Amino acid sequence: MTIDGKYAVPTVAIHTDIFERVVRSVARVNGMPRTRAVFVPQPVMGKSPKELRAYVDGNDPVTGRPVMQEVIEGLTRPFDAKDLEKIVYERTTPRLVDQGSEAELQRLFLDNNWTDKLPIILPTEERVAEMLAHTSHKPDEIVGHMRPTQFREYWEYTVEKVAVNAVMAGASPEYLPVILALAASGQSGCGLVPVIRNLEGQWQRRAPRGGRRFQQIYAESASARGLPAGGEGQDHREVFW
C-alpha cells in the first residue's frame, strides 16, 4: 500500500489466503478498500520450489481465478469509478446495544474469537455506574488514544468506555483509577511491563507516555488507596496487580 499510495507505483500484493480478512480490513482503514491483492494457499514455509511454483501456476483460493492472471490484471487494468470513490467512515458507536444475557455475550465473543476464553461479565448500566462511582472524572472525558497494530488507525476512548471494559474483565470498581491510569499511558497490553518498570523507583522522572495526564490519574488512585503518590524509592507494582 505504501508503494502504491505514496509513490503511485502500480502494485499487487500477494498474501496467503488465511489473512484475507486482515488484508481487507487493513486496506479499508487506510482508505484503500479496493487495493489489488492476490491470494495463494497457506502455508508457504517448508514448501519445496515445486510446490510453491504450483501455487503461482494455480488458482487464487479466494476467487478461484488463476493467480498470474490476477497479478497481470491488477497491474494493467485501469481504475474504474468505484476504485476512485471517496471513502467516508462513521466514527461514532452506540452507547447502548440490544439487551442480551451473560451467556449470549460469552457466545458472541467465542464465536468471533474476541476472547482468551476467560469469563466475560455483562456490562449492565448498573454495573458500569458502580464502576464510574470510583473516579472523579466525567464519563465522557477522553482518556487517551490507542491502535491495536501499527497498520490500524488510532481510536479514542472515554472514561465510560474504559469502565465498560473493566466491568467485562471482572475488575473490582475500586481498581478503576488504576485502570484509567494505565489507559491514559497509551500503552497496549503488550506494554504493561515497561509501564510498571517506569513506576518503580524514580517514576516521576521516567513517566511513560501520557506524562502529566498519567500522573494526575495515578495520584488519584494512590490517594484513594492510601498509597504514596510517587517519589524515589517507591515500588508501585502492588497498585497494578
Protein backbone atom coordinates (compact mmCIF):
# COMPACT_ATOMS: atom_id res chain seq x y z
CA MET A 1 0.00 0.00 0.00
CA THR A 2 2.87 2.39 0.72
CA ILE A 3 4.41 1.87 -2.73
CA ASP A 4 1.03 2.19 -4.43
CA GLY A 5 -0.46 5.04 -2.37
CA LYS A 6 2.61 7.14 -1.56
CA TYR A 7 4.74 6.66 -4.66
CA ALA A 8 1.95 5.97 -7.21
CA VAL A 9 3.65 2.78 -8.42
CA PRO A 10 1.11 0.14 -9.53
CA THR A 11 1.33 -2.74 -7.09
CA VAL A 12 -0.37 -6.07 -6.49
CA ALA A 13 0.30 -7.62 -3.10
CA ILE A 14 0.38 -11.41 -2.76
CA HIS A 15 -0.81 -12.87 0.56
CA THR A 16 -1.72 -16.29 1.85
CA ASP A 17 -5.47 -16.88 1.93
CA ILE A 18 -5.67 -17.25 5.73
CA PHE A 19 -5.01 -13.50 6.03
CA GLU A 20 -7.71 -12.35 3.61
CA ARG A 21 -9.92 -10.69 6.24
CA VAL A 22 -6.95 -8.92 7.81
CA VAL A 23 -5.72 -7.71 4.41
CA ARG A 24 -9.16 -6.30 3.52
CA SER A 25 -9.54 -4.67 6.92
CA VAL A 26 -6.11 -3.00 6.84
CA ALA A 27 -6.72 -1.75 3.31
CA ARG A 28 -10.10 -0.34 4.32
CA VAL A 29 -8.89 1.60 7.36
CA ASN A 30 -6.05 3.02 5.27
CA GLY A 31 -8.55 4.42 2.76
CA MET A 32 -7.75 1.89 0.02
CA PRO A 33 -10.54 -0.70 0.29
CA ARG A 34 -10.17 -1.75 -3.35
CA THR A 35 -6.41 -2.13 -3.31
CA ARG A 36 -5.48 -5.02 -5.57
CA ALA A 37 -4.41 -8.21 -3.86
CA VAL A 38 -3.93 -11.83 -4.85
CA PHE A 39 -4.00 -14.84 -2.54
CA VAL A 40 -2.18 -18.17 -2.56
CA PRO A 41 -2.67 -21.15 -0.23
CA GLN A 42 -1.26 -21.36 3.28
CA PRO A 43 1.37 -22.49 4.27
CA VAL A 44 4.37 -21.18 2.37
CA MET A 45 7.13 -22.06 4.83
CA GLY A 46 8.56 -25.56 4.40
CA LYS A 47 7.26 -25.97 0.87
CA SER A 48 9.53 -27.14 -1.95
CA PRO A 49 10.20 -24.96 -5.02
CA LYS A 50 7.92 -27.28 -7.00
CA GLU A 51 5.08 -26.85 -4.53
CA LEU A 52 5.50 -23.06 -4.46
CA ARG A 53 5.53 -22.99 -8.24
CA ALA A 54 2.22 -24.87 -8.17
CA TYR A 55 0.79 -22.06 -6.01
CA VAL A 56 1.80 -19.48 -8.62
CA ASP A 57 0.58 -21.56 -11.56
CA GLY A 58 -2.63 -22.50 -9.75
CA ASN A 59 -5.79 -20.64 -8.78
CA ASP A 60 -6.37 -17.99 -6.14
CA PRO A 61 -8.14 -19.93 -3.33
CA VAL A 62 -10.28 -16.87 -2.54
CA THR A 63 -11.57 -16.04 -6.04
CA GLY A 64 -10.91 -19.32 -7.88
CA ARG A 65 -9.21 -17.43 -10.72
CA PRO A 66 -5.61 -18.04 -11.99
CA VAL A 67 -3.08 -16.32 -9.74
CA MET A 68 -0.87 -14.90 -12.54
CA GLN A 69 -3.88 -13.67 -14.48
CA GLU A 70 -4.99 -11.69 -11.41
CA VAL A 71 -1.49 -10.27 -10.96
CA ILE A 72 -1.31 -9.08 -14.58
CA GLU A 73 -4.82 -7.63 -14.49
CA GLY A 74 -4.11 -5.91 -11.19
CA LEU A 75 -1.06 -4.18 -12.68
CA THR A 76 -2.61 -3.21 -16.01
CA ARG A 77 -6.37 -2.73 -15.55
CA PRO A 78 -7.34 0.98 -15.32
CA PHE A 79 -9.15 2.25 -12.24
CA ASP A 80 -12.92 2.44 -12.51
CA ALA A 81 -15.35 4.79 -10.75
CA LYS A 82 -15.60 2.53 -7.67
CA ASP A 83 -11.81 2.42 -7.30
CA LEU A 84 -11.76 6.23 -7.11
CA GLU A 85 -14.76 6.71 -4.80
CA LYS A 86 -14.14 8.84 -1.71
CA ILE A 87 -14.19 6.77 1.47
CA VAL A 88 -16.18 8.09 4.42
CA TYR A 89 -16.27 6.31 7.79
CA GLU A 90 -18.82 6.60 10.55
CA ARG A 91 -16.74 7.04 13.70
CA THR A 92 -19.47 7.01 16.34
CA THR A 93 -20.60 3.93 18.21
CA PRO A 94 -23.88 3.46 20.09
CA ARG A 95 -23.69 3.96 23.83
CA LEU A 96 -26.09 1.07 24.44
CA VAL A 97 -26.68 -2.12 22.45
CA ASP A 98 -29.57 -4.58 22.38
CA GLN A 99 -30.19 -6.43 25.62
CA GLY A 100 -28.87 -9.93 26.00
CA SER A 101 -27.86 -12.48 28.59
CA GLU A 102 -24.42 -13.18 30.01
CA ALA A 103 -24.41 -16.49 28.14
CA GLU A 104 -25.22 -14.75 24.84
CA LEU A 105 -22.39 -12.28 25.39
CA GLN A 106 -19.95 -15.10 26.09
CA ARG A 107 -21.08 -16.98 22.97
CA LEU A 108 -20.74 -13.83 20.81
CA PHE A 109 -17.12 -13.38 21.90
CA LEU A 110 -16.29 -17.06 21.48
CA ASP A 111 -17.83 -17.24 18.00
CA ASN A 112 -15.81 -14.21 16.84
CA ASN A 113 -12.56 -15.20 18.62
CA TRP A 114 -12.57 -11.92 20.56
CA THR A 115 -11.66 -13.59 23.85
CA ASP A 116 -8.94 -15.53 25.64
CA LYS A 117 -11.75 -17.84 26.87
CA LEU A 118 -11.97 -16.28 30.35
CA PRO A 119 -15.49 -15.39 31.59
CA ILE A 120 -16.92 -12.07 30.39
CA ILE A 121 -19.14 -10.02 32.69
CA LEU A 122 -22.21 -8.40 31.14
CA PRO A 123 -21.68 -4.60 31.35
CA THR A 124 -25.12 -3.52 32.51
CA GLU A 125 -25.81 0.17 33.19
CA GLU A 126 -25.90 -0.55 36.92
CA ARG A 127 -22.50 -2.26 36.93
CA VAL A 128 -20.90 0.45 34.81
CA ALA A 129 -22.40 3.16 37.08
CA GLU A 130 -20.94 1.40 40.13
CA MET A 131 -17.56 1.34 38.41
CA LEU A 132 -17.76 5.03 37.48
CA ALA A 133 -18.59 5.96 41.09
CA HIS A 134 -14.94 5.26 41.94
CA THR A 135 -13.49 8.12 39.88
CA SER A 136 -13.98 11.88 39.87
CA HIS A 137 -13.54 12.04 36.09
CA LYS A 138 -16.59 12.59 33.89
CA PRO A 139 -17.84 9.59 31.87
CA ASP A 140 -17.42 11.40 28.53
CA GLU A 141 -13.90 12.62 29.30
CA ILE A 142 -11.39 11.32 26.75
CA VAL A 143 -8.74 9.19 28.46
CA GLY A 144 -6.44 8.52 25.50
CA HIS A 145 -5.89 7.15 22.03
CA MET A 146 -4.62 3.74 21.01
CA ARG A 147 -4.38 1.48 17.99
CA PRO A 148 -4.23 -2.32 18.08
CA THR A 149 -1.41 -2.57 15.50
CA GLN A 150 0.80 -0.20 13.52
CA PHE A 151 -1.41 -0.81 10.49
CA ARG A 152 -4.60 0.44 12.15
CA GLU A 153 -5.69 4.00 12.82
CA TYR A 154 -5.79 5.45 16.33
CA TRP A 155 -9.14 5.42 18.12
CA GLU A 156 -10.09 7.34 21.24
CA TYR A 157 -11.73 6.05 24.37
CA THR A 158 -13.59 7.78 27.17
CA VAL A 159 -13.75 7.13 30.90
CA GLU A 160 -17.05 5.32 30.39
CA LYS A 161 -15.60 3.10 27.64
CA VAL A 162 -12.74 2.14 29.98
CA ALA A 163 -15.28 1.43 32.74
CA VAL A 164 -17.30 -0.81 30.42
CA ASN A 165 -14.19 -2.80 29.54
CA ALA A 166 -13.23 -3.01 33.22
CA VAL A 167 -16.64 -4.46 34.07
CA MET A 168 -16.40 -7.00 31.26
CA ALA A 169 -12.96 -8.07 32.50
CA GLY A 170 -14.30 -8.63 36.01
CA ALA A 171 -12.33 -5.82 37.69
CA SER A 172 -13.42 -4.55 41.10
CA PRO A 173 -14.81 -0.98 40.95
CA GLU A 174 -12.15 0.37 43.31
CA TYR A 175 -9.50 -0.54 40.74
CA LEU A 176 -10.90 1.86 38.12
CA PRO A 177 -8.46 4.73 38.88
CA VAL A 178 -5.54 2.38 38.31
CA ILE A 179 -7.08 1.06 35.09
CA LEU A 180 -7.64 4.65 33.92
CA ALA A 181 -4.01 5.44 34.68
CA LEU A 182 -2.89 2.55 32.51
CA ALA A 183 -5.30 3.57 29.75
CA ALA A 184 -4.03 7.16 29.88
CA SER A 185 -0.45 5.95 29.45
CA GLY A 186 -1.17 4.97 25.84
CA GLN A 187 0.26 1.50 26.41
CA SER A 188 -1.37 -1.60 24.99
CA GLY A 189 -1.47 -4.91 26.85
CA CYS A 190 1.97 -5.67 25.41
CA GLY A 191 3.34 -2.51 27.03
CA LEU A 192 2.29 -3.08 30.63
CA VAL A 193 5.69 -4.30 31.79
CA PRO A 194 7.52 -1.13 30.62
CA VAL A 195 4.88 0.98 32.36
CA ILE A 196 5.30 -0.88 35.62
CA ARG A 197 9.07 -0.67 35.41
CA ASN A 198 8.81 3.04 34.81
CA LEU A 199 6.81 3.35 38.02
CA GLU A 200 9.49 1.71 40.12
CA GLY A 201 11.99 3.95 41.84
CA GLN A 202 12.23 7.42 40.29
CA TRP A 203 8.94 7.01 38.47
CA GLN A 204 8.11 10.71 38.20
CA ARG A 205 11.26 11.34 36.18
CA ARG A 206 10.67 8.30 34.00
CA ALA A 207 6.91 8.61 33.49
CA PRO A 208 5.68 6.62 30.49
CA ARG A 209 3.79 8.09 27.58
CA GLY A 210 0.85 10.01 28.99
CA GLY A 211 3.04 12.36 31.05
CA ARG A 212 1.15 14.70 33.36
CA ARG A 213 -2.16 13.13 32.46
CA PHE A 214 -0.88 9.75 33.68
CA GLN A 215 0.46 11.29 36.90
CA GLN A 216 -2.83 13.07 37.57
CA ILE A 217 -4.93 9.91 37.34
CA TYR A 218 -2.31 7.81 39.11
CA ALA A 219 -2.21 10.29 42.00
CA GLU A 220 -5.98 9.96 42.36
CA SER A 221 -5.60 6.19 42.54
CA ALA A 222 -2.77 6.32 45.06
CA SER A 223 -4.63 8.75 47.28
CA ALA A 224 -7.80 6.65 47.18
CA ARG A 225 -5.89 3.59 48.35
CA GLY A 226 -3.69 5.33 50.91
CA LEU A 227 -0.52 4.85 48.84
CA PRO A 228 2.25 7.38 48.19
CA ALA A 229 1.62 9.48 45.08
CA GLY A 230 5.14 8.94 43.79
CA GLY A 231 8.75 9.63 44.57
CA GLU A 232 12.07 7.93 44.72
CA GLY A 233 12.42 4.51 46.21
CA GLN A 234 8.73 3.64 45.99
CA ASP A 235 7.76 0.37 44.35
CA HIS A 236 4.28 0.76 42.87
CA ARG A 237 3.78 -2.68 41.33
CA GLU A 238 1.24 -3.54 44.03
CA VAL A 239 -1.11 -0.91 42.63
CA PHE A 240 -1.31 -2.68 39.31
CA TRP A 241 -1.59 -6.27 40.40
